[in-house]
Amino acid sequence: MGWFRQALGKEREFVARIGWSGGNTAYTDS
């Protein structure tokens, strides 16, 4: 599962994700 966000005037960007079993998390640097 992932979280993405889209600000006004910007493309949709990756924010965070988590693996199917709850591990393997990742985040955008910001």
Full PDB file with SEQRES, HELIX, SHEET, SSBOND, CRYST1, ORIGX, SCALE, CONECT and MASTER records, all heavy atoms in Angstrom:
SEQRES   1 A   30  MET GLY TRP PHE ARG GLN ALA LEU GLY LYS GLU ARG GLU          
SEQRES   2 A   30  PHE VAL ALA ARG ILE GLY TRP SER GLY GLY ASN THR ALA          
SEQRES   3 A   30  TYR THR ASP SER                                              
SHEET    1 AA1 3 GLY A   2  ARG A   5  0                                        
SHEET    2 AA1 3 GLU A  13  ARG A  17 -1                                        
SHEET    3 AA1 3 ALA A  26  TYR A  27 -1                                        
CRYST1    1.000    1.000    1.000  90.00  90.00  90.00 P 1           1          
ORIGX1      1.000000  0.000000  0.000000        0.00000                         
ORIGX2      0.000000  1.000000  0.000000        0.00000                         
ORIGX3      0.000000  0.000000  1.000000        0.00000                         
SCALE1      1.000000  0.000000  0.000000        0.00000                         
SCALE2      0.000000  1.000000  0.000000        0.00000                         
SCALE3      0.000000  0.000000  1.000000        0.00000                         
ATOM      1  N   MET A   1       0.842  -1.182   0.000  1.00  0.00           N  
ATOM      2  CA  MET A   1       0.000   0.000   0.000  1.00  0.00           C  
ATOM      3  C   MET A   1       0.882   1.238   0.000  1.00  0.00           C  
ATOM      4  O   MET A   1       1.955   1.244   0.607  1.00  0.00           O  
ATOM      5  CB  MET A   1      -0.914   0.027   1.222  1.00  0.00           C  
ATOM      6  CG  MET A   1      -1.911  -1.117   1.286  1.00  0.00           C  
ATOM      7  SD  MET A   1      -3.212  -0.983   0.020  1.00  0.00           S  
ATOM      8  CE  MET A   1      -4.102   0.459   0.612  1.00  0.00           C  
ATOM      9  N   GLY A   2       0.414   2.258  -0.665  1.00  0.00           N  
ATOM     10  CA  GLY A   2       1.184   3.478  -0.742  1.00  0.00           C  
ATOM     11  C   GLY A   2       0.356   4.707  -0.448  1.00  0.00           C  
ATOM     12  O   GLY A   2      -0.872   4.694  -0.571  1.00  0.00           O  
ATOM     13  N   TRP A   3       1.044   5.748  -0.031  1.00  0.00           N  
ATOM     14  CA  TRP A   3       0.461   7.072   0.099  1.00  0.00           C  
ATOM     15  C   TRP A   3       1.147   7.988  -0.899  1.00  0.00           C  
ATOM     16  O   TRP A   3       2.379   7.999  -1.005  1.00  0.00           O  
ATOM     17  CB  TRP A   3       0.629   7.637   1.506  1.00  0.00           C  
ATOM     18  CG  TRP A   3      -0.298   7.059   2.527  1.00  0.00           C  
ATOM     19  CD1 TRP A   3      -0.041   6.067   3.414  1.00  0.00           C  
ATOM     20  CD2 TRP A   3      -1.656   7.462   2.764  1.00  0.00           C  
ATOM     21  NE1 TRP A   3      -1.144   5.825   4.198  1.00  0.00           N  
ATOM     22  CE2 TRP A   3      -2.146   6.663   3.821  1.00  0.00           C  
ATOM     23  CE3 TRP A   3      -2.500   8.419   2.195  1.00  0.00           C  
ATOM     24  CZ2 TRP A   3      -3.452   6.792   4.314  1.00  0.00           C  
ATOM     25  CZ3 TRP A   3      -3.789   8.541   2.688  1.00  0.00           C  
ATOM     26  CH2 TRP A   3      -4.246   7.735   3.731  1.00  0.00           C  
ATOM     27  N   PHE A   4       0.350   8.743  -1.600  1.00  0.00           N  
ATOM     28  CA  PHE A   4       0.829   9.735  -2.541  1.00  0.00           C  
ATOM     29  C   PHE A   4       0.146  11.055  -2.237  1.00  0.00           C  
ATOM     30  O   PHE A   4      -0.871  11.100  -1.544  1.00  0.00           O  
ATOM     31  CB  PHE A   4       0.526   9.314  -3.983  1.00  0.00           C  
ATOM     32  CG  PHE A   4       1.289   8.094  -4.442  1.00  0.00           C  
ATOM     33  CD1 PHE A   4       0.930   6.826  -4.006  1.00  0.00           C  
ATOM     34  CD2 PHE A   4       2.359   8.216  -5.308  1.00  0.00           C  
ATOM     35  CE1 PHE A   4       1.619   5.705  -4.421  1.00  0.00           C  
ATOM     36  CE2 PHE A   4       3.062   7.100  -5.739  1.00  0.00           C  
ATOM     37  CZ  PHE A   4       2.696   5.848  -5.297  1.00  0.00           C  
ATOM     38  N   ARG A   5       0.695  12.119  -2.753  1.00  0.00           N  
ATOM     39  CA  ARG A   5       0.063  13.416  -2.569  1.00  0.00           C  
ATOM     40  C   ARG A   5       0.209  14.245  -3.829  1.00  0.00           C  
ATOM     41  O   ARG A   5       1.131  14.057  -4.620  1.00  0.00           O  
ATOM     42  CB  ARG A   5       0.649  14.165  -1.372  1.00  0.00           C  
ATOM     43  CG  ARG A   5       2.098  14.567  -1.523  1.00  0.00           C  
ATOM     44  CD  ARG A   5       2.633  15.134  -0.213  1.00  0.00           C  
ATOM     45  NE  ARG A   5       4.021  15.551  -0.325  1.00  0.00           N  
ATOM     46  CZ  ARG A   5       4.762  15.942   0.700  1.00  0.00           C  
ATOM     47  NH1 ARG A   5       4.242  15.984   1.922  1.00  0.00           N  
ATOM     48  NH2 ARG A   5       6.021  16.311   0.502  1.00  0.00           N  
ATOM     49  N   GLN A   6      -0.711  15.159  -3.985  1.00  0.00           N  
ATOM     50  CA  GLN A   6      -0.683  16.042  -5.134  1.00  0.00           C  
ATOM     51  C   GLN A   6      -1.033  17.450  -4.691  1.00  0.00           C  
ATOM     52  O   GLN A   6      -2.153  17.718  -4.264  1.00  0.00           O  
ATOM     53  CB  GLN A   6      -1.653  15.572  -6.219  1.00  0.00           C  
ATOM     54  CG  GLN A   6      -1.536  16.338  -7.518  1.00  0.00           C  
ATOM     55  CD  GLN A   6      -2.219  15.628  -8.672  1.00  0.00           C  
ATOM     56  OE1 GLN A   6      -3.033  14.726  -8.465  1.00  0.00           O  
ATOM     57  NE2 GLN A   6      -1.885  16.013  -9.889  1.00  0.00           N  
ATOM     58  N   ALA A   7      -0.055  18.324  -4.782  1.00  0.00           N  
ATOM     59  CA  ALA A   7      -0.255  19.727  -4.453  1.00  0.00           C  
ATOM     60  C   ALA A   7      -0.742  20.474  -5.683  1.00  0.00           C  
ATOM     61  O   ALA A   7      -0.595  20.011  -6.819  1.00  0.00           O  
ATOM     62  CB  ALA A   7       1.039  20.342  -3.938  1.00  0.00           C  
ATOM     63  N   LEU A   8      -1.311  21.641  -5.452  1.00  0.00           N  
ATOM     64  CA  LEU A   8      -1.796  22.453  -6.560  1.00  0.00           C  
ATOM     65  C   LEU A   8      -0.683  22.743  -7.547  1.00  0.00           C  
ATOM     66  O   LEU A   8       0.406  23.182  -7.165  1.00  0.00           O  
ATOM     67  CB  LEU A   8      -2.370  23.761  -6.044  1.00  0.00           C  
ATOM     68  CG  LEU A   8      -3.761  23.694  -5.413  1.00  0.00           C  
ATOM     69  CD1 LEU A   8      -4.121  25.050  -4.824  1.00  0.00           C  
ATOM     70  CD2 LEU A   8      -4.792  23.273  -6.436  1.00  0.00           C  
ATOM     71  N   GLY A   9      -0.951  22.475  -8.800  1.00  0.00           N  
ATOM     72  CA  GLY A   9       0.005  22.764  -9.841  1.00  0.00           C  
ATOM     73  C   GLY A   9       1.149  21.793  -9.949  1.00  0.00           C  
ATOM     74  O   GLY A   9       2.079  22.025 -10.730  1.00  0.00           O  
ATOM     75  N   LYS A  10       1.115  20.711  -9.185  1.00  0.00           N  
ATOM     76  CA  LYS A  10       2.200  19.745  -9.203  1.00  0.00           C  
ATOM     77  C   LYS A  10       1.682  18.356  -9.548  1.00  0.00           C  
ATOM     78  O   LYS A  10       0.498  18.068  -9.435  1.00  0.00           O  
ATOM     79  CB  LYS A  10       2.914  19.712  -7.853  1.00  0.00           C  
ATOM     80  CG  LYS A  10       3.598  21.009  -7.479  1.00  0.00           C  
ATOM     81  CD  LYS A  10       4.366  20.869  -6.178  1.00  0.00           C  
ATOM     82  CE  LYS A  10       5.091  22.151  -5.823  1.00  0.00           C  
ATOM     83  NZ  LYS A  10       5.848  22.008  -4.557  1.00  0.00           N  
ATOM     84  N   GLU A  11       2.606  17.515  -9.966  1.00  0.00           N  
ATOM     85  CA  GLU A  11       2.268  16.134 -10.258  1.00  0.00           C  
ATOM     86  C   GLU A  11       2.086  15.345  -8.974  1.00  0.00           C  
ATOM     87  O   GLU A  11       2.600  15.709  -7.922  1.00  0.00           O  
ATOM     88  CB  GLU A  11       3.360  15.489 -11.108  1.00  0.00           C  
ATOM     89  CG  GLU A  11       3.536  16.109 -12.480  1.00  0.00           C  
ATOM     90  CD  GLU A  11       4.594  15.405 -13.300  1.00  0.00           C  
ATOM     91  OE1 GLU A  11       5.241  14.480 -12.774  1.00  0.00           O  
ATOM     92  OE2 GLU A  11       4.766  15.773 -14.465  1.00  0.00           O  
ATOM     93  N   ARG A  12       1.343  14.269  -9.095  1.00  0.00           N  
ATOM     94  CA  ARG A  12       1.189  13.389  -7.955  1.00  0.00           C  
ATOM     95  C   ARG A  12       2.540  12.759  -7.624  1.00  0.00           C  
ATOM     96  O   ARG A  12       3.237  12.257  -8.503  1.00  0.00           O  
ATOM     97  CB  ARG A  12       0.155  12.308  -8.262  1.00  0.00           C  
ATOM     98  CG  ARG A  12      -0.235  11.474  -7.063  1.00  0.00           C  
ATOM     99  CD  ARG A  12      -1.476  10.627  -7.363  1.00  0.00           C  
ATOM    100  NE  ARG A  12      -2.614  11.456  -7.713  1.00  0.00           N  
ATOM    101  CZ  ARG A  12      -3.851  10.996  -7.884  1.00  0.00           C  
ATOM    102  NH1 ARG A  12      -4.103   9.701  -7.729  1.00  0.00           N  
ATOM    103  NH2 ARG A  12      -4.821  11.821  -8.218  1.00  0.00           N  
ATOM    104  N   GLU A  13       2.905  12.781  -6.357  1.00  0.00           N  
ATOM    105  CA  GLU A  13       4.202  12.276  -5.957  1.00  0.00           C  
ATOM    106  C   GLU A  13       4.085  11.237  -4.853  1.00  0.00           C  
ATOM    107  O   GLU A  13       3.167  11.263  -4.034  1.00  0.00           O  
ATOM    108  CB  GLU A  13       5.111  13.418  -5.482  1.00  0.00           C  
ATOM    109  CG  GLU A  13       4.674  14.078  -4.191  1.00  0.00           C  
ATOM    110  CD  GLU A  13       5.709  15.022  -3.615  1.00  0.00           C  
ATOM    111  OE1 GLU A  13       6.883  14.959  -4.030  1.00  0.00           O  
ATOM    112  OE2 GLU A  13       5.346  15.836  -2.740  1.00  0.00           O  
ATOM    113  N   PHE A  14       5.044  10.367  -4.847  1.00  0.00           N  
ATOM    114  CA  PHE A  14       5.135   9.334  -3.837  1.00  0.00           C  
ATOM    115  C   PHE A  14       5.449   9.935  -2.482  1.00  0.00           C  
ATOM    116  O   PHE A  14       6.279  10.835  -2.362  1.00  0.00           O  
ATOM    117  CB  PHE A  14       6.228   8.344  -4.234  1.00  0.00           C  
ATOM    118  CG  PHE A  14       6.626   7.397  -3.151  1.00  0.00           C  
ATOM    119  CD1 PHE A  14       5.846   6.304  -2.837  1.00  0.00           C  
ATOM    120  CD2 PHE A  14       7.799   7.595  -2.439  1.00  0.00           C  
ATOM    121  CE1 PHE A  14       6.213   5.417  -1.846  1.00  0.00           C  
ATOM    122  CE2 PHE A  14       8.181   6.722  -1.445  1.00  0.00           C  
ATOM    123  CZ  PHE A  14       7.385   5.629  -1.146  1.00  0.00           C  
ATOM    124  N   VAL A  15       4.796   9.426  -1.450  1.00  0.00           N  
ATOM    125  CA  VAL A  15       5.059   9.845  -0.082  1.00  0.00           C  
ATOM    126  C   VAL A  15       5.618   8.695   0.745  1.00  0.00           C  
ATOM    127  O   VAL A  15       6.675   8.819   1.367  1.00  0.00           O  
ATOM    128  CB  VAL A  15       3.794  10.398   0.593  1.00  0.00           C  
ATOM    129  CG1 VAL A  15       4.077  10.738   2.053  1.00  0.00           C  
ATOM    130  CG2 VAL A  15       3.278  11.620  -0.153  1.00  0.00           C  
ATOM    131  N   ALA A  16       4.917   7.573   0.756  1.00  0.00           N  
ATOM    132  CA  ALA A  16       5.331   6.443   1.577  1.00  0.00           C  
ATOM    133  C   ALA A  16       4.689   5.172   1.055  1.00  0.00           C  
ATOM    134  O   ALA A  16       3.656   5.214   0.396  1.00  0.00           O  
ATOM    135  CB  ALA A  16       4.945   6.659   3.042  1.00  0.00           C  
ATOM    136  N   ARG A  17       5.309   4.060   1.367  1.00  0.00           N  
ATOM    137  CA  ARG A  17       4.725   2.778   1.035  1.00  0.00           C  
ATOM    138  C   ARG A  17       5.052   1.779   2.127  1.00  0.00           C  
ATOM    139  O   ARG A  17       6.005   1.954   2.888  1.00  0.00           O  
ATOM    140  CB  ARG A  17       5.206   2.255  -0.325  1.00  0.00           C  
ATOM    141  CG  ARG A  17       6.689   1.900  -0.405  1.00  0.00           C  
ATOM    142  CD  ARG A  17       6.980   0.432  -0.099  1.00  0.00           C  
ATOM    143  NE  ARG A  17       6.474  -0.473  -1.117  1.00  0.00           N  
ATOM    144  CZ  ARG A  17       6.459  -1.794  -1.023  1.00  0.00           C  
ATOM    145  NH1 ARG A  17       6.921  -2.400   0.065  1.00  0.00           N  
ATOM    146  NH2 ARG A  17       5.983  -2.524  -2.022  1.00  0.00           N  
ATOM    147  N   ILE A  18       4.260   0.731   2.177  1.00  0.00           N  
ATOM    148  CA  ILE A  18       4.475  -0.332   3.135  1.00  0.00           C  
ATOM    149  C   ILE A  18       4.191  -1.654   2.449  1.00  0.00           C  
ATOM    150  O   ILE A  18       3.244  -1.772   1.674  1.00  0.00           O  
ATOM    151  CB  ILE A  18       3.594  -0.142   4.392  1.00  0.00           C  
ATOM    152  CG1 ILE A  18       3.929  -1.169   5.464  1.00  0.00           C  
ATOM    153  CG2 ILE A  18       2.107  -0.185   4.029  1.00  0.00           C  
ATOM    154  CD1 ILE A  18       3.322  -0.831   6.825  1.00  0.00           C  
ATOM    155  N   GLY A  19       5.027  -2.638   2.722  1.00  0.00           N  
ATOM    156  CA  GLY A  19       4.875  -3.931   2.090  1.00  0.00           C  
ATOM    157  C   GLY A  19       3.625  -4.653   2.532  1.00  0.00           C  
ATOM    158  O   GLY A  19       2.991  -4.307   3.537  1.00  0.00           O  
ATOM    159  N   TRP A  20       3.290  -5.661   1.799  1.00  0.00           N  
ATOM    160  CA  TRP A  20       2.049  -6.389   2.062  1.00  0.00           C  
ATOM    161  C   TRP A  20       2.010  -7.006   3.455  1.00  0.00           C  
ATOM    162  O   TRP A  20       0.936  -7.144   4.050  1.00  0.00           O  
ATOM    163  CB  TRP A  20       1.824  -7.465   0.994  1.00  0.00           C  
ATOM    164  CG  TRP A  20       2.807  -8.607   1.048  1.00  0.00           C  
ATOM    165  CD1 TRP A  20       4.016  -8.679   0.417  1.00  0.00           C  
ATOM    166  CD2 TRP A  20       2.647  -9.825   1.767  1.00  0.00           C  
ATOM    167  NE1 TRP A  20       4.629  -9.877   0.704  1.00  0.00           N  
ATOM    168  CE2 TRP A  20       3.808 -10.598   1.531  1.00  0.00           C  
ATOM    169  CE3 TRP A  20       1.644 -10.349   2.585  1.00  0.00           C  
ATOM    170  CZ2 TRP A  20       3.987 -11.867   2.090  1.00  0.00           C  
ATOM    171  CZ3 TRP A  20       1.818 -11.610   3.140  1.00  0.00           C  
ATOM    172  CH2 TRP A  20       2.978 -12.350   2.888  1.00  0.00           C  
ATOM    173  N   SER A  21       3.161  -7.384   3.981  1.00  0.00           N  
ATOM    174  CA  SER A  21       3.217  -8.004   5.299  1.00  0.00           C  
ATOM    175  C   SER A  21       3.489  -6.996   6.415  1.00  0.00           C  
ATOM    176  O   SER A  21       3.628  -7.384   7.573  1.00  0.00           O  
ATOM    177  CB  SER A  21       4.280  -9.092   5.319  1.00  0.00           C  
ATOM    178  OG  SER A  21       5.572  -8.561   5.083  1.00  0.00           O  
ATOM    179  N   GLY A  22       3.586  -5.733   6.078  1.00  0.00           N  
ATOM    180  CA  GLY A  22       3.794  -4.697   7.068  1.00  0.00           C  
ATOM    181  C   GLY A  22       5.213  -4.182   7.171  1.00  0.00           C  
ATOM    182  O   GLY A  22       5.462  -3.204   7.875  1.00  0.00           O  
ATOM    183  N   GLY A  23       6.136  -4.832   6.490  1.00  0.00           N  
ATOM    184  CA  GLY A  23       7.503  -4.372   6.482  1.00  0.00           C  
ATOM    185  C   GLY A  23       7.818  -3.625   5.207  1.00  0.00           C  
ATOM    186  O   GLY A  23       6.922  -3.147   4.503  1.00  0.00           O  
ATOM    187  N   ASN A  24       9.104  -3.523   4.924  1.00  0.00           N  
ATOM    188  CA  ASN A  24       9.559  -2.912   3.681  1.00  0.00           C  
ATOM    189  C   ASN A  24       8.942  -1.531   3.472  1.00  0.00           C  
ATOM    190  O   ASN A  24       8.364  -1.238   2.421  1.00  0.00           O  
ATOM    191  CB  ASN A  24       9.235  -3.821   2.500  1.00  0.00           C  
ATOM    192  CG  ASN A  24      10.098  -3.538   1.284  1.00  0.00           C  
ATOM    193  OD1 ASN A  24      11.119  -2.853   1.372  1.00  0.00           O  
ATOM    194  ND2 ASN A  24       9.700  -4.064   0.142  1.00  0.00           N  
ATOM    195  N   THR A  25       9.077  -0.687   4.481  1.00  0.00           N  
ATOM    196  CA  THR A  25       8.558   0.673   4.368  1.00  0.00           C  
ATOM    197  C   THR A  25       9.565   1.567   3.661  1.00  0.00           C  
ATOM    198  O   THR A  25      10.773   1.333   3.698  1.00  0.00           O  
ATOM    199  CB  THR A  25       8.232   1.265   5.743  1.00  0.00           C  
ATOM    200  OG1 THR A  25       9.400   1.236   6.569  1.00  0.00           O  
ATOM    201  CG2 THR A  25       7.125   0.469   6.417  1.00  0.00           C  
ATOM    202  N   ALA A  26       9.052   2.586   3.026  1.00  0.00           N  
ATOM    203  CA  ALA A  26       9.894   3.544   2.328  1.00  0.00           C  
ATOM    204  C   ALA A  26       9.204   4.895   2.324  1.00  0.00           C  
ATOM    205  O   ALA A  26       7.974   4.974   2.349  1.00  0.00           O  
ATOM    206  CB  ALA A  26      10.176   3.084   0.899  1.00  0.00           C  
ATOM    207  N   TYR A  27      10.008   5.955   2.275  1.00  0.00           N  
ATOM    208  CA  TYR A  27       9.490   7.307   2.319  1.00  0.00           C  
ATOM    209  C   TYR A  27      10.240   8.192   1.346  1.00  0.00           C  
ATOM    210  O   TYR A  27      11.432   7.986   1.085  1.00  0.00           O  
ATOM    211  CB  TYR A  27       9.642   7.910   3.722  1.00  0.00           C  
ATOM    212  CG  TYR A  27       8.969   7.125   4.808  1.00  0.00           C  
ATOM    213  CD1 TYR A  27       9.634   6.089   5.455  1.00  0.00           C  
ATOM    214  CD2 TYR A  27       7.663   7.414   5.192  1.00  0.00           C  
ATOM    215  CE1 TYR A  27       9.019   5.357   6.455  1.00  0.00           C  
ATOM    216  CE2 TYR A  27       7.039   6.687   6.195  1.00  0.00           C  
ATOM    217  CZ  TYR A  27       7.718   5.658   6.823  1.00  0.00           C  
ATOM    218  OH  TYR A  27       7.100   4.938   7.814  1.00  0.00           O  
ATOM    219  N   THR A  28       9.560   9.177   0.850  1.00  0.00           N  
ATOM    220  CA  THR A  28      10.253  10.186   0.078  1.00  0.00           C  
ATOM    221  C   THR A  28      11.088  11.032   1.030  1.00  0.00           C  
ATOM    222  O   THR A  28      10.752  11.192   2.206  1.00  0.00           O  
ATOM    223  CB  THR A  28       9.249  11.050  -0.712  1.00  0.00           C  
ATOM    224  OG1 THR A  28       9.954  11.844  -1.669  1.00  0.00           O  
ATOM    225  CG2 THR A  28       8.460  11.955   0.206  1.00  0.00           C  
ATOM    226  N   ASP A  29      12.191  11.557   0.531  1.00  0.00           N  
ATOM    227  CA  ASP A  29      13.147  12.243   1.394  1.00  0.00           C  
ATOM    228  C   ASP A  29      12.528  13.383   2.195  1.00  0.00           C  
ATOM    229  O   ASP A  29      12.900  13.615   3.349  1.00  0.00           O  
ATOM    230  CB  ASP A  29      14.311  12.780   0.562  1.00  0.00           C  
ATOM    231  CG  ASP A  29      15.249  11.700   0.088  1.00  0.00           C  
ATOM    232  OD1 ASP A  29      15.194  10.578   0.624  1.00  0.00           O  
ATOM    233  OD2 ASP A  29      16.052  11.978  -0.824  1.00  0.00           O  
ATOM    234  N   SER A  30      11.611  14.094   1.613  1.00  0.00           N  
ATOM    235  CA  SER A  30      11.069  15.281   2.250  1.00  0.00           C  
ATOM    236  C   SER A  30      10.227  14.989   3.492  1.00  0.00           C  
ATOM    237  O   SER A  30       9.962  15.897   4.280  1.00  0.00           O  
ATOM    238  CB  SER A  30      10.238  16.097   1.257  1.00  0.00           C  
ATOM    239  OG  SER A  30       9.120  15.363   0.795  1.00  0.00           O  
TER     240      SER A  30                                                      
MASTER        0    0    0    0    3    0    0    6  239    1    0    3          
END                                                                             
